[in-house]
Amino acid sequence: MSRKVQCVLLGTEADGLDRPPYPGELGKRIFDHVSKQAWQQWMRHQTMLINEYRLTPFEPKARSFLEQEMEKFLFGGGSEKPPDFRE
């Protein structure tokens, strides 16, 4: 039986993550309040950000940017797409 959370992004009760996907307090907050489906939406958005901005995720500046965007996407009303992004 899967764990259920009240997902802050979807606004409904949904299957929760199996473990915290990120270290520290932010990871615990995600684990407690973000569903698997919402996390997958973030992962797709993160991939788009990495590709469009040509980020190198192991660089501290890129990690910091992605962490800020993750918080905005999941808890703060959304993360903006790059200005020149075309779907």
C-alpha atoms as a PDB file:
ATOM      1  CA  MET A   1       0.000   0.000   0.000  1.00  0.00           C
ATOM      2  CA  SER A   2       1.413   3.358  -0.979  1.00  0.00           C
ATOM      3  CA  ARG A   3       1.708   6.351   1.284  1.00  0.00           C
ATOM      4  CA  LYS A   4      -0.713   9.226   0.591  1.00  0.00           C
ATOM      5  CA  VAL A   5       0.015  12.945   0.901  1.00  0.00           C
ATOM      6  CA  GLN A   6      -2.062  16.064   0.449  1.00  0.00           C
ATOM      7  CA  CYS A   7      -0.099  17.370  -2.535  1.00  0.00           C
ATOM      8  CA  VAL A   8       0.543  21.119  -2.442  1.00  0.00           C
ATOM      9  CA  LEU A   9       1.036  21.302  -6.201  1.00  0.00           C
ATOM     10  CA  LEU A  10      -1.962  19.243  -7.328  1.00  0.00           C
ATOM     11  CA  GLY A  11      -4.246  20.240  -4.472  1.00  0.00           C
ATOM     12  CA  THR A  12      -5.454  16.674  -4.000  1.00  0.00           C
ATOM     13  CA  GLU A  13      -4.557  13.581  -2.031  1.00  0.00           C
ATOM     14  CA  ALA A  14      -2.178  11.450  -4.090  1.00  0.00           C
ATOM     15  CA  ASP A  15       0.537   8.812  -3.796  1.00  0.00           C
ATOM     16  CA  GLY A  16       3.530  10.127  -1.862  1.00  0.00           C
ATOM     17  CA  LEU A  17       7.177   9.635  -2.647  1.00  0.00           C
ATOM     18  CA  ASP A  18       8.943   6.529  -1.312  1.00  0.00           C
ATOM     19  CA  ARG A  19      11.761   8.551   0.268  1.00  0.00           C
ATOM     20  CA  PRO A  20      12.903  12.167   0.439  1.00  0.00           C
ATOM     21  CA  PRO A  21      14.178  13.104  -3.040  1.00  0.00           C
ATOM     22  CA  TYR A  22      16.474  15.857  -1.824  1.00  0.00           C
ATOM     23  CA  PRO A  23      18.699  16.274   1.236  1.00  0.00           C
ATOM     24  CA  GLY A  24      17.953  18.355   4.286  1.00  0.00           C
ATOM     25  CA  GLU A  25      14.874  20.221   5.420  1.00  0.00           C
ATOM     26  CA  LEU A  26      13.702  20.909   1.855  1.00  0.00           C
ATOM     27  CA  GLY A  27      13.807  17.182   1.088  1.00  0.00           C
ATOM     28  CA  LYS A  28      11.691  16.429   4.170  1.00  0.00           C
ATOM     29  CA  ARG A  29       9.209  19.125   3.192  1.00  0.00           C
ATOM     30  CA  ILE A  30       8.950  17.676  -0.332  1.00  0.00           C
ATOM     31  CA  PHE A  31       8.533  14.160   1.070  1.00  0.00           C
ATOM     32  CA  ASP A  32       5.724  15.322   3.371  1.00  0.00           C
ATOM     33  CA  HIS A  33       3.807  17.514   0.907  1.00  0.00           C
ATOM     34  CA  VAL A  34       4.566  16.556  -2.715  1.00  0.00           C
ATOM     35  CA  SER A  35       3.129  13.599  -4.624  1.00  0.00           C
ATOM     36  CA  LYS A  36       4.967  11.305  -7.025  1.00  0.00           C
ATOM     37  CA  GLN A  37       3.050  12.858  -9.924  1.00  0.00           C
ATOM     38  CA  ALA A  38       4.004  16.410  -8.901  1.00  0.00           C
ATOM     39  CA  TRP A  39       7.634  15.356  -8.446  1.00  0.00           C
ATOM     40  CA  GLN A  40       7.646  13.950 -11.986  1.00  0.00           C
ATOM     41  CA  GLN A  41       6.278  17.271 -13.254  1.00  0.00           C
ATOM     42  CA  TRP A  42       9.158  19.029 -11.484  1.00  0.00           C
ATOM     43  CA  MET A  43      11.702  16.606 -12.948  1.00  0.00           C
ATOM     44  CA  ARG A  44      10.467  17.390 -16.488  1.00  0.00           C
ATOM     45  CA  HIS A  45      10.591  21.127 -15.751  1.00  0.00           C
ATOM     46  CA  GLN A  46      14.071  20.813 -14.248  1.00  0.00           C
ATOM     47  CA  THR A  47      15.304  18.967 -17.333  1.00  0.00           C
ATOM     48  CA  MET A  48      13.940  21.754 -19.519  1.00  0.00           C
ATOM     49  CA  LEU A  49      15.714  24.374 -17.345  1.00  0.00           C
ATOM     50  CA  ILE A  50      19.014  22.463 -17.506  1.00  0.00           C
ATOM     51  CA  ASN A  51      18.784  22.152 -21.285  1.00  0.00           C
ATOM     52  CA  GLU A  52      17.560  25.668 -22.054  1.00  0.00           C
ATOM     53  CA  TYR A  53      20.003  27.433 -19.738  1.00  0.00           C
ATOM     54  CA  ARG A  54      22.790  24.931 -20.529  1.00  0.00           C
ATOM     55  CA  LEU A  55      23.379  24.312 -16.836  1.00  0.00           C
ATOM     56  CA  THR A  56      25.962  21.970 -15.398  1.00  0.00           C
ATOM     57  CA  PRO A  57      24.140  20.544 -12.357  1.00  0.00           C
ATOM     58  CA  PHE A  58      27.296  19.779 -10.359  1.00  0.00           C
ATOM     59  CA  GLU A  59      28.338  23.442 -10.351  1.00  0.00           C
ATOM     60  CA  PRO A  60      27.321  25.192  -7.106  1.00  0.00           C
ATOM     61  CA  LYS A  61      25.751  28.172  -8.905  1.00  0.00           C
ATOM     62  CA  ALA A  62      23.597  25.876 -11.068  1.00  0.00           C
ATOM     63  CA  ARG A  63      22.579  23.756  -8.050  1.00  0.00           C
ATOM     64  CA  SER A  64      21.571  26.869  -6.151  1.00  0.00           C
ATOM     65  CA  PHE A  65      19.514  28.123  -9.098  1.00  0.00           C
ATOM     66  CA  LEU A  66      17.777  24.757  -9.519  1.00  0.00           C
ATOM     67  CA  GLU A  67      17.017  24.540  -5.790  1.00  0.00           C
ATOM     68  CA  GLN A  68      15.421  27.994  -5.873  1.00  0.00           C
ATOM     69  CA  GLU A  69      13.385  27.055  -8.952  1.00  0.00           C
ATOM     70  CA  MET A  70      12.340  23.770  -7.309  1.00  0.00           C
ATOM     71  CA  GLU A  71      10.985  25.640  -4.278  1.00  0.00           C
ATOM     72  CA  LYS A  72       9.124  28.090  -6.515  1.00  0.00           C
ATOM     73  CA  PHE A  73       7.738  25.289  -8.704  1.00  0.00           C
ATOM     74  CA  LEU A  74       6.554  23.084  -5.847  1.00  0.00           C
ATOM     75  CA  PHE A  75       5.653  25.584  -3.117  1.00  0.00           C
ATOM     76  CA  GLY A  76       5.709  29.112  -4.491  1.00  0.00           C
ATOM     77  CA  GLY A  77       3.263  29.366  -7.347  1.00  0.00           C
ATOM     78  CA  GLY A  78       5.446  28.177 -10.210  1.00  0.00           C
ATOM     79  CA  SER A  79       8.786  28.462 -11.908  1.00  0.00           C
ATOM     80  CA  GLU A  80       9.001  30.526 -15.077  1.00  0.00           C
ATOM     81  CA  LYS A  81      10.065  28.987 -18.358  1.00  0.00           C
ATOM     82  CA  PRO A  82      13.037  30.645 -20.072  1.00  0.00           C
ATOM     83  CA  PRO A  83      11.959  33.660 -22.180  1.00  0.00           C
ATOM     84  CA  ASP A  84      12.990  32.066 -25.492  1.00  0.00           C
ATOM     85  CA  PHE A  85      11.560  28.598 -24.700  1.00  0.00           C
ATOM     86  CA  ARG A  86       9.402  27.083 -27.458  1.00  0.00           C
ATOM     87  CA  GLU A  87       7.508  23.869 -26.831  1.00  0.00           C
END
